[in-house]
Amino acid sequence: MKPKIILIHGNGGSTSADCWLPYVEHELARAGLEVVNRSFPDAVKARAAYWLPFIDELGADAHTVLIGHSSGAVAALRYAETHRLLGSVLVGACHTDLGEASERVSGYYGAPWDWDAIRTNQQWILQYASPTDPFIPIAEARYIQKHARTKYFELASRGHFQDNTFPELVSAVKKQLNL
């Protein structure tokens, strides 16, 4: 069975058409993968109560790779606590609400993280972070790497990964899937 890829955008009104998501969708579909790139409901607040069930609706299972950007990466982490996945890719992820009410309202940060479950419920985790991210301090990414034991890529001068392309991510996913 071929893996399914589900792309998860960030909060603040982001959509499936933002940043590198269409590029990654195109490139991974061109490699023969089923790629789901849909705008999530409640896109401004990105609340777990809406996003985690939506991931279920999109058919995530043990043959699925979740690729999340920002709040989408946080959703992927929380989903992996209680669901089997093939793997995940975290881009610009954080593990705290950063002291921001707009993040706190999402509902992702009220409970402790189950790092053991996140690791054991999937075969691999890739993570991308940048020390120039204006929203996510690099200490957040490094904490996630340490606790989730991700394969970690710290890219200089990439900010919050809002470029229109992301060839490094496409190459890494293809490598993980032996494509």
N, C-alpha and C. Protein backbone atom coordinates (compact mmCIF):
# COMPACT_ATOMS: atom_id res chain seq x y z
N MET A 1 0.84 -1.19 0.00
CA MET A 1 0.00 0.00 0.00
C MET A 1 0.88 1.25 0.00
N LYS A 2 0.60 2.16 -0.93
CA LYS A 2 1.37 3.41 -1.00
C LYS A 2 0.96 4.33 0.15
N PRO A 3 1.93 5.05 0.68
CA PRO A 3 1.60 6.00 1.75
C PRO A 3 0.72 7.14 1.25
N LYS A 4 -0.09 7.65 2.15
CA LYS A 4 -0.88 8.85 1.91
C LYS A 4 -0.18 9.99 2.63
N ILE A 5 -0.15 11.15 2.02
CA ILE A 5 0.42 12.35 2.62
C ILE A 5 -0.72 13.31 2.92
N ILE A 6 -0.79 13.81 4.15
CA ILE A 6 -1.77 14.84 4.50
C ILE A 6 -0.99 16.08 4.91
N LEU A 7 -1.25 17.19 4.20
CA LEU A 7 -0.61 18.47 4.50
C LEU A 7 -1.51 19.27 5.43
N ILE A 8 -0.90 19.89 6.44
CA ILE A 8 -1.65 20.66 7.43
C ILE A 8 -1.05 22.05 7.53
N HIS A 9 -1.79 23.04 7.09
CA HIS A 9 -1.32 24.43 7.13
C HIS A 9 -1.35 24.98 8.56
N GLY A 10 -0.92 26.21 8.72
CA GLY A 10 -0.91 26.85 10.03
C GLY A 10 -2.18 27.61 10.33
N ASN A 11 -2.18 28.33 11.45
CA ASN A 11 -3.35 29.08 11.90
C ASN A 11 -3.34 30.50 11.33
N GLY A 12 -4.13 31.38 11.93
CA GLY A 12 -4.18 32.78 11.52
C GLY A 12 -4.88 33.02 10.20
N GLY A 13 -5.67 32.05 9.76
CA GLY A 13 -6.38 32.18 8.50
C GLY A 13 -5.64 31.58 7.32
N SER A 14 -4.60 30.83 7.59
CA SER A 14 -3.86 30.17 6.51
C SER A 14 -4.75 29.16 5.80
N THR A 15 -4.35 28.82 4.56
CA THR A 15 -5.10 27.85 3.76
C THR A 15 -4.15 26.87 3.09
N SER A 16 -4.72 25.93 2.40
CA SER A 16 -3.94 24.93 1.68
C SER A 16 -3.18 25.54 0.50
N ALA A 17 -3.47 26.78 0.13
CA ALA A 17 -2.79 27.45 -0.99
C ALA A 17 -1.59 28.26 -0.54
N ASP A 18 -1.30 28.26 0.74
CA ASP A 18 -0.24 29.12 1.27
C ASP A 18 1.14 28.48 1.22
N CYS A 19 2.12 29.34 1.19
CA CYS A 19 3.54 28.98 1.29
C CYS A 19 3.90 27.86 0.34
N TRP A 20 4.59 26.86 0.85
CA TRP A 20 5.13 25.75 0.08
C TRP A 20 4.17 24.58 -0.07
N LEU A 21 2.99 24.66 0.51
CA LEU A 21 2.07 23.52 0.47
C LEU A 21 1.71 23.10 -0.96
N PRO A 22 1.33 24.01 -1.87
CA PRO A 22 1.04 23.56 -3.24
C PRO A 22 2.25 22.94 -3.93
N TYR A 23 3.43 23.48 -3.67
CA TYR A 23 4.66 22.92 -4.26
C TYR A 23 4.89 21.49 -3.77
N VAL A 24 4.80 21.28 -2.47
CA VAL A 24 5.01 19.95 -1.90
C VAL A 24 3.94 18.99 -2.41
N GLU A 25 2.70 19.46 -2.47
CA GLU A 25 1.62 18.63 -3.01
C GLU A 25 1.97 18.18 -4.43
N HIS A 26 2.35 19.10 -5.28
CA HIS A 26 2.66 18.80 -6.67
C HIS A 26 3.83 17.83 -6.78
N GLU A 27 4.91 18.10 -6.06
CA GLU A 27 6.11 17.28 -6.17
C GLU A 27 5.91 15.86 -5.64
N LEU A 28 5.21 15.72 -4.54
CA LEU A 28 4.98 14.38 -3.99
C LEU A 28 3.95 13.61 -4.80
N ALA A 29 2.95 14.30 -5.36
CA ALA A 29 2.00 13.63 -6.25
C ALA A 29 2.72 13.18 -7.52
N ARG A 30 3.64 13.98 -8.00
CA ARG A 30 4.42 13.62 -9.19
C ARG A 30 5.27 12.37 -8.94
N ALA A 31 5.61 12.15 -7.67
CA ALA A 31 6.37 10.95 -7.29
C ALA A 31 5.46 9.73 -7.11
N GLY A 32 4.16 9.90 -7.38
CA GLY A 32 3.23 8.79 -7.32
C GLY A 32 2.50 8.61 -6.00
N LEU A 33 2.59 9.60 -5.12
CA LEU A 33 1.93 9.50 -3.82
C LEU A 33 0.55 10.15 -3.84
N GLU A 34 -0.35 9.63 -3.02
CA GLU A 34 -1.64 10.29 -2.80
C GLU A 34 -1.39 11.42 -1.81
N VAL A 35 -1.72 12.64 -2.22
CA VAL A 35 -1.48 13.81 -1.37
C VAL A 35 -2.81 14.53 -1.14
N VAL A 36 -3.14 14.75 0.13
CA VAL A 36 -4.34 15.48 0.51
C VAL A 36 -3.89 16.85 1.01
N ASN A 37 -4.33 17.90 0.32
CA ASN A 37 -4.00 19.27 0.71
C ASN A 37 -5.29 20.07 0.73
N ARG A 38 -5.93 20.08 1.89
CA ARG A 38 -7.22 20.75 2.06
C ARG A 38 -7.10 21.85 3.10
N SER A 39 -7.87 22.90 2.94
CA SER A 39 -7.93 23.93 3.97
C SER A 39 -8.72 23.37 5.15
N PHE A 40 -8.16 23.55 6.33
CA PHE A 40 -8.78 23.03 7.54
C PHE A 40 -9.85 23.98 8.05
N PRO A 41 -10.86 23.45 8.74
CA PRO A 41 -11.88 24.32 9.33
C PRO A 41 -11.27 25.11 10.50
N ASP A 42 -11.91 26.19 10.87
CA ASP A 42 -11.45 26.98 12.02
C ASP A 42 -10.00 27.43 11.82
N ALA A 43 -9.70 27.91 10.62
CA ALA A 43 -8.32 28.21 10.22
C ALA A 43 -7.69 29.36 11.01
N VAL A 44 -8.47 30.24 11.58
CA VAL A 44 -7.89 31.35 12.34
C VAL A 44 -7.34 30.84 13.67
N LYS A 45 -8.15 30.10 14.42
CA LYS A 45 -7.74 29.63 15.76
C LYS A 45 -7.09 28.26 15.74
N ALA A 46 -7.36 27.48 14.72
CA ALA A 46 -6.76 26.14 14.58
C ALA A 46 -7.00 25.26 15.81
N ARG A 47 -8.19 25.29 16.33
CA ARG A 47 -8.48 24.56 17.57
C ARG A 47 -8.44 23.05 17.38
N ALA A 48 -7.81 22.40 18.35
CA ALA A 48 -7.66 20.94 18.35
C ALA A 48 -9.02 20.25 18.23
N ALA A 49 -10.04 20.82 18.83
CA ALA A 49 -11.38 20.22 18.80
C ALA A 49 -11.91 20.07 17.38
N TYR A 50 -11.44 20.89 16.46
CA TYR A 50 -11.85 20.81 15.06
C TYR A 50 -10.80 20.12 14.19
N TRP A 51 -9.53 20.43 14.46
CA TRP A 51 -8.47 19.95 13.57
C TRP A 51 -8.18 18.46 13.73
N LEU A 52 -8.14 17.96 14.94
CA LEU A 52 -7.82 16.54 15.13
C LEU A 52 -8.90 15.63 14.53
N PRO A 53 -10.20 15.92 14.72
CA PRO A 53 -11.21 15.11 14.04
C PRO A 53 -11.15 15.26 12.51
N PHE A 54 -10.75 16.43 12.02
CA PHE A 54 -10.64 16.63 10.57
C PHE A 54 -9.53 15.75 9.98
N ILE A 55 -8.45 15.59 10.73
CA ILE A 55 -7.39 14.68 10.27
C ILE A 55 -7.95 13.26 10.14
N ASP A 56 -8.80 12.86 11.10
CA ASP A 56 -9.48 11.57 10.99
C ASP A 56 -10.33 11.51 9.72
N GLU A 57 -11.12 12.57 9.48
CA GLU A 57 -11.99 12.62 8.30
C GLU A 57 -11.20 12.49 7.00
N LEU A 58 -9.98 12.99 7.00
CA LEU A 58 -9.13 12.92 5.81
C LEU A 58 -8.52 11.53 5.62
N GLY A 59 -8.78 10.63 6.56
CA GLY A 59 -8.37 9.25 6.40
C GLY A 59 -6.98 8.91 6.90
N ALA A 60 -6.47 9.66 7.86
CA ALA A 60 -5.15 9.35 8.41
C ALA A 60 -5.17 7.97 9.06
N ASP A 61 -4.10 7.20 8.80
CA ASP A 61 -3.96 5.88 9.39
C ASP A 61 -2.49 5.51 9.47
N ALA A 62 -2.20 4.26 9.72
CA ALA A 62 -0.82 3.80 9.90
C ALA A 62 0.00 3.86 8.62
N HIS A 63 -0.63 4.21 7.49
CA HIS A 63 0.08 4.36 6.22
C HIS A 63 0.16 5.82 5.79
N THR A 64 -0.05 6.73 6.75
CA THR A 64 -0.12 8.16 6.47
C THR A 64 1.08 8.89 7.03
N VAL A 65 1.53 9.89 6.26
CA VAL A 65 2.53 10.85 6.72
C VAL A 65 1.84 12.20 6.86
N LEU A 66 1.88 12.76 8.05
CA LEU A 66 1.37 14.11 8.27
C LEU A 66 2.51 15.09 8.09
N ILE A 67 2.29 16.12 7.29
CA ILE A 67 3.27 17.19 7.10
C ILE A 67 2.61 18.47 7.56
N GLY A 68 3.07 19.00 8.70
CA GLY A 68 2.43 20.18 9.27
C GLY A 68 3.35 21.37 9.36
N HIS A 69 2.78 22.54 9.09
CA HIS A 69 3.49 23.82 9.21
C HIS A 69 2.93 24.59 10.39
N SER A 70 3.81 24.99 11.31
CA SER A 70 3.45 25.84 12.43
C SER A 70 2.37 25.16 13.29
N SER A 71 1.19 25.73 13.39
CA SER A 71 0.12 25.09 14.17
C SER A 71 -0.25 23.73 13.59
N GLY A 72 -0.06 23.57 12.29
CA GLY A 72 -0.28 22.26 11.68
C GLY A 72 0.70 21.22 12.17
N ALA A 73 1.93 21.64 12.48
CA ALA A 73 2.92 20.72 13.05
C ALA A 73 2.53 20.35 14.48
N VAL A 74 2.00 21.30 15.22
CA VAL A 74 1.54 21.03 16.58
C VAL A 74 0.37 20.04 16.54
N ALA A 75 -0.54 20.24 15.59
CA ALA A 75 -1.66 19.30 15.42
C ALA A 75 -1.13 17.90 15.11
N ALA A 76 -0.12 17.82 14.25
CA ALA A 76 0.46 16.51 13.91
C ALA A 76 1.04 15.83 15.14
N LEU A 77 1.71 16.59 15.99
CA LEU A 77 2.26 16.03 17.23
C LEU A 77 1.15 15.49 18.13
N ARG A 78 0.11 16.30 18.35
CA ARG A 78 -0.99 15.85 19.22
C ARG A 78 -1.71 14.65 18.62
N TYR A 79 -1.88 14.63 17.32
CA TYR A 79 -2.55 13.50 16.67
C TYR A 79 -1.74 12.22 16.89
N ALA A 80 -0.43 12.33 16.78
CA ALA A 80 0.44 11.16 16.94
C ALA A 80 0.46 10.62 18.36
N GLU A 81 0.02 11.39 19.31
CA GLU A 81 -0.05 10.87 20.69
C GLU A 81 -1.04 9.71 20.80
N THR A 82 -2.08 9.73 19.98
CA THR A 82 -3.16 8.74 20.14
C THR A 82 -3.48 7.95 18.87
N HIS A 83 -2.71 8.16 17.80
CA HIS A 83 -2.98 7.49 16.53
C HIS A 83 -1.69 6.96 15.92
N ARG A 84 -1.79 5.80 15.30
CA ARG A 84 -0.66 5.22 14.56
C ARG A 84 -0.53 5.95 13.23
N LEU A 85 0.69 6.30 12.88
CA LEU A 85 1.02 6.94 11.61
C LEU A 85 2.25 6.26 11.04
N LEU A 86 2.49 6.46 9.77
CA LEU A 86 3.75 6.03 9.19
C LEU A 86 4.86 6.98 9.66
N GLY A 87 4.60 8.27 9.56
CA GLY A 87 5.57 9.26 9.99
C GLY A 87 4.98 10.65 9.97
N SER A 88 5.81 11.62 10.34
CA SER A 88 5.38 13.00 10.27
C SER A 88 6.56 13.91 9.98
N VAL A 89 6.22 15.09 9.46
CA VAL A 89 7.20 16.13 9.18
C VAL A 89 6.69 17.39 9.87
N LEU A 90 7.51 17.93 10.76
CA LEU A 90 7.17 19.11 11.54
C LEU A 90 7.97 20.30 11.03
N VAL A 91 7.29 21.35 10.64
CA VAL A 91 7.96 22.55 10.12
C VAL A 91 7.54 23.74 10.97
N GLY A 92 8.51 24.37 11.64
CA GLY A 92 8.21 25.53 12.46
C GLY A 92 7.31 25.19 13.64
N ALA A 93 7.60 24.10 14.32
CA ALA A 93 6.75 23.62 15.43
C ALA A 93 7.17 24.24 16.76
N CYS A 94 6.21 24.29 17.67
CA CYS A 94 6.49 24.70 19.05
C CYS A 94 5.79 23.72 19.99
N HIS A 95 6.17 23.75 21.26
CA HIS A 95 5.54 22.86 22.24
C HIS A 95 4.86 23.64 23.36
N THR A 96 4.98 24.96 23.36
CA THR A 96 4.28 25.81 24.32
C THR A 96 3.41 26.81 23.56
N ASP A 97 2.57 27.51 24.29
CA ASP A 97 1.72 28.52 23.64
C ASP A 97 2.46 29.84 23.42
N LEU A 98 3.75 29.87 23.77
CA LEU A 98 4.61 31.03 23.55
C LEU A 98 4.13 32.28 24.29
N GLY A 99 3.25 32.07 25.27
CA GLY A 99 2.70 33.20 26.01
C GLY A 99 1.67 33.99 25.22
N GLU A 100 1.18 33.43 24.15
CA GLU A 100 0.24 34.11 23.25
C GLU A 100 -1.18 33.56 23.45
N ALA A 101 -2.11 34.46 23.75
CA ALA A 101 -3.51 34.04 23.91
C ALA A 101 -4.04 33.41 22.62
N SER A 102 -3.59 33.92 21.47
CA SER A 102 -4.05 33.38 20.19
C SER A 102 -3.60 31.95 19.98
N GLU A 103 -2.51 31.54 20.60
CA GLU A 103 -2.06 30.15 20.55
C GLU A 103 -2.76 29.32 21.64
N ARG A 104 -2.90 29.88 22.81
CA ARG A 104 -3.50 29.18 23.95
C ARG A 104 -4.91 28.69 23.62
N VAL A 105 -5.66 29.48 22.86
CA VAL A 105 -7.06 29.15 22.54
C VAL A 105 -7.17 27.88 21.70
N SER A 106 -6.08 27.45 21.07
CA SER A 106 -6.12 26.27 20.21
C SER A 106 -6.42 24.99 20.99
N GLY A 107 -6.06 24.96 22.27
CA GLY A 107 -6.30 23.77 23.07
C GLY A 107 -5.21 22.72 23.00
N TYR A 108 -4.11 23.02 22.34
CA TYR A 108 -3.02 22.04 22.21
C TYR A 108 -2.08 22.01 23.42
N TYR A 109 -2.10 23.04 24.23
CA TYR A 109 -1.04 23.21 25.22
C TYR A 109 -1.46 22.97 26.66
N GLY A 110 -2.70 22.62 26.93
CA GLY A 110 -3.18 22.46 28.29
C GLY A 110 -2.73 21.18 28.98
N ALA A 111 -2.40 20.16 28.22
CA ALA A 111 -2.00 18.86 28.80
C ALA A 111 -0.52 18.63 28.54
N PRO A 112 0.12 17.85 29.40
CA PRO A 112 1.53 17.51 29.15
C PRO A 112 1.66 16.72 27.85
N TRP A 113 2.82 16.82 27.22
CA TRP A 113 3.09 16.09 26.00
C TRP A 113 3.48 14.65 26.34
N ASP A 114 2.96 13.70 25.58
CA ASP A 114 3.34 12.29 25.73
C ASP A 114 4.36 11.96 24.65
N TRP A 115 5.61 12.34 24.89
CA TRP A 115 6.68 12.17 23.90
C TRP A 115 6.89 10.70 23.56
N ASP A 116 6.76 9.82 24.54
CA ASP A 116 6.92 8.39 24.26
C ASP A 116 5.89 7.91 23.24
N ALA A 117 4.64 8.31 23.42
CA ALA A 117 3.59 7.90 22.48
C ALA A 117 3.82 8.51 21.10
N ILE A 118 4.23 9.76 21.07
CA ILE A 118 4.50 10.42 19.79
C ILE A 118 5.56 9.64 19.02
N ARG A 119 6.60 9.21 19.71
CA ARG A 119 7.68 8.44 19.06
C ARG A 119 7.22 7.05 18.64
N THR A 120 6.55 6.33 19.54
CA THR A 120 6.23 4.93 19.27
C THR A 120 5.05 4.74 18.33
N ASN A 121 4.22 5.77 18.16
CA ASN A 121 3.06 5.66 17.27
C ASN A 121 3.40 5.92 15.80
N GLN A 122 4.68 6.15 15.51
CA GLN A 122 5.09 6.35 14.12
C GLN A 122 6.51 5.87 13.92
N GLN A 123 6.84 5.55 12.68
CA GLN A 123 8.16 5.00 12.40
C GLN A 123 9.25 6.05 12.37
N TRP A 124 8.90 7.28 12.00
CA TRP A 124 9.90 8.34 11.90
C TRP A 124 9.26 9.71 12.00
N ILE A 125 10.09 10.68 12.40
CA ILE A 125 9.67 12.09 12.49
C ILE A 125 10.82 12.94 11.94
N LEU A 126 10.51 13.75 10.94
CA LEU A 126 11.44 14.74 10.43
C LEU A 126 11.03 16.10 10.99
N GLN A 127 12.00 16.96 11.23
CA GLN A 127 11.69 18.27 11.80
C GLN A 127 12.57 19.33 11.16
N TYR A 128 11.93 20.45 10.79
CA TYR A 128 12.63 21.60 10.22
C TYR A 128 12.42 22.82 11.12
N ALA A 129 13.51 23.53 11.38
CA ALA A 129 13.45 24.74 12.19
C ALA A 129 14.49 25.71 11.67
N SER A 130 14.33 26.97 12.03
CA SER A 130 15.30 27.99 11.64
C SER A 130 15.52 28.96 12.80
N PRO A 131 16.78 29.31 13.06
CA PRO A 131 17.06 30.28 14.12
C PRO A 131 16.57 31.69 13.79
N THR A 132 16.18 31.93 12.53
CA THR A 132 15.66 33.25 12.15
C THR A 132 14.13 33.30 12.14
N ASP A 133 13.47 32.27 12.66
CA ASP A 133 12.01 32.25 12.72
C ASP A 133 11.55 33.38 13.65
N PRO A 134 10.75 34.33 13.15
CA PRO A 134 10.31 35.44 13.99
C PRO A 134 9.18 35.08 14.96
N PHE A 135 8.58 33.91 14.79
CA PHE A 135 7.44 33.50 15.62
C PHE A 135 7.80 32.42 16.63
N ILE A 136 8.67 31.50 16.25
CA ILE A 136 8.99 30.34 17.08
C ILE A 136 10.46 30.40 17.50
N PRO A 137 10.73 30.65 18.78
CA PRO A 137 12.13 30.65 19.22
C PRO A 137 12.78 29.29 18.97
N ILE A 138 14.04 29.30 18.58
CA ILE A 138 14.73 28.05 18.23
C ILE A 138 14.77 27.08 19.40
N ALA A 139 14.72 27.58 20.62
CA ALA A 139 14.70 26.70 21.80
C ALA A 139 13.48 25.79 21.77
N GLU A 140 12.37 26.25 21.23
CA GLU A 140 11.16 25.42 21.12
C GLU A 140 11.44 24.20 20.23
N ALA A 141 12.02 24.45 19.08
CA ALA A 141 12.32 23.37 18.13
C ALA A 141 13.32 22.39 18.72
N ARG A 142 14.34 22.92 19.35
CA ARG A 142 15.37 22.05 19.93
C ARG A 142 14.79 21.19 21.05
N TYR A 143 13.85 21.71 21.81
CA TYR A 143 13.19 20.95 22.87
C TYR A 143 12.41 19.78 22.25
N ILE A 144 11.67 20.08 21.18
CA ILE A 144 10.90 19.02 20.51
C ILE A 144 11.85 17.96 19.98
N GLN A 145 12.94 18.38 19.37
CA GLN A 145 13.90 17.42 18.82
C GLN A 145 14.42 16.50 19.91
N LYS A 146 14.76 17.08 21.04
CA LYS A 146 15.31 16.28 22.14
C LYS A 146 14.28 15.27 22.67
N HIS A 147 13.05 15.70 22.84
CA HIS A 147 12.04 14.85 23.46
C HIS A 147 11.36 13.88 22.49
N ALA A 148 11.15 14.32 21.25
CA ALA A 148 10.54 13.44 20.26
C ALA A 148 11.59 12.64 19.48
N ARG A 149 12.84 13.02 19.66
CA ARG A 149 13.97 12.37 18.97
C ARG A 149 13.78 12.38 17.45
N THR A 150 13.50 13.56 16.95
CA THR A 150 13.27 13.73 15.52
C THR A 150 14.59 13.72 14.75
N LYS A 151 14.47 13.47 13.46
CA LYS A 151 15.59 13.72 12.56
C LYS A 151 15.49 15.22 12.27
N TYR A 152 16.46 15.96 12.73
CA TYR A 152 16.36 17.41 12.86
C TYR A 152 17.19 18.14 11.82
N PHE A 153 16.55 19.11 11.15
CA PHE A 153 17.22 19.95 10.17
C PHE A 153 17.04 21.41 10.60
N GLU A 154 18.12 22.04 11.00
CA GLU A 154 18.07 23.45 11.38
C GLU A 154 18.66 24.25 10.23
N LEU A 155 17.83 24.98 9.52
CA LEU A 155 18.23 25.70 8.33
C LEU A 155 18.37 27.19 8.62
N ALA A 156 19.52 27.74 8.35
CA ALA A 156 19.78 29.15 8.61
C ALA A 156 18.95 30.03 7.67
N SER A 157 18.52 31.14 8.17
CA SER A 157 17.88 32.19 7.36
C SER A 157 16.61 31.75 6.64
N ARG A 158 15.85 30.80 7.17
CA ARG A 158 14.60 30.38 6.52
C ARG A 158 13.36 30.96 7.20
N GLY A 159 13.57 31.72 8.29
CA GLY A 159 12.43 32.33 8.96
C GLY A 159 11.39 31.30 9.37
N HIS A 160 10.14 31.60 9.09
CA HIS A 160 9.03 30.70 9.46
C HIS A 160 8.63 29.80 8.28
N PHE A 161 9.56 29.58 7.38
CA PHE A 161 9.34 28.67 6.25
C PHE A 161 8.10 29.06 5.45
N GLN A 162 8.10 30.30 4.99
CA GLN A 162 6.96 30.80 4.22
C GLN A 162 7.29 30.95 2.74
N ASP A 163 8.35 30.29 2.29
CA ASP A 163 8.72 30.30 0.87
C ASP A 163 7.68 29.55 0.05
N ASN A 164 7.77 29.72 -1.26
CA ASN A 164 6.84 29.03 -2.16
C ASN A 164 7.31 27.63 -2.55
N THR A 165 8.56 27.31 -2.24
CA THR A 165 9.08 25.99 -2.53
C THR A 165 9.75 25.43 -1.28
N PHE A 166 9.96 24.13 -1.27
CA PHE A 166 10.63 23.49 -0.13
C PHE A 166 11.25 22.19 -0.63
N PRO A 167 12.25 22.28 -1.53
CA PRO A 167 12.83 21.07 -2.11
C PRO A 167 13.50 20.16 -1.09
N GLU A 168 14.05 20.73 -0.02
CA GLU A 168 14.70 19.90 1.01
C GLU A 168 13.68 18.95 1.66
N LEU A 169 12.51 19.45 1.92
CA LEU A 169 11.46 18.62 2.53
C LEU A 169 11.04 17.52 1.56
N VAL A 170 10.81 17.87 0.31
CA VAL A 170 10.40 16.87 -0.69
C VAL A 170 11.46 15.77 -0.79
N SER A 171 12.72 16.15 -0.88
CA SER A 171 13.80 15.16 -0.99
C SER A 171 13.86 14.26 0.23
N ALA A 172 13.71 14.85 1.42
CA ALA A 172 13.80 14.06 2.65
C ALA A 172 12.63 13.08 2.77
N VAL A 173 11.42 13.51 2.40
CA VAL A 173 10.26 12.61 2.46
C VAL A 173 10.45 11.47 1.45
N LYS A 174 10.86 11.81 0.26
CA LYS A 174 11.09 10.76 -0.75
C LYS A 174 12.16 9.77 -0.27
N LYS A 175 13.19 10.27 0.36
CA LYS A 175 14.24 9.39 0.88
C LYS A 175 13.66 8.47 1.97
N GLN A 176 12.88 9.01 2.89
CA GLN A 176 12.27 8.21 3.96
C GLN A 176 11.38 7.11 3.38
N LEU A 177 10.72 7.42 2.25
CA LEU A 177 9.79 6.47 1.64
C LEU A 177 10.45 5.63 0.57
N ASN A 178 11.76 5.75 0.42
CA ASN A 178 12.52 4.98 -0.58
C ASN A 178 11.99 5.19 -1.99
N LEU A 179 11.71 6.44 -2.34
CA LEU A 179 11.22 6.77 -3.69
C LEU A 179 12.34 7.35 -4.54
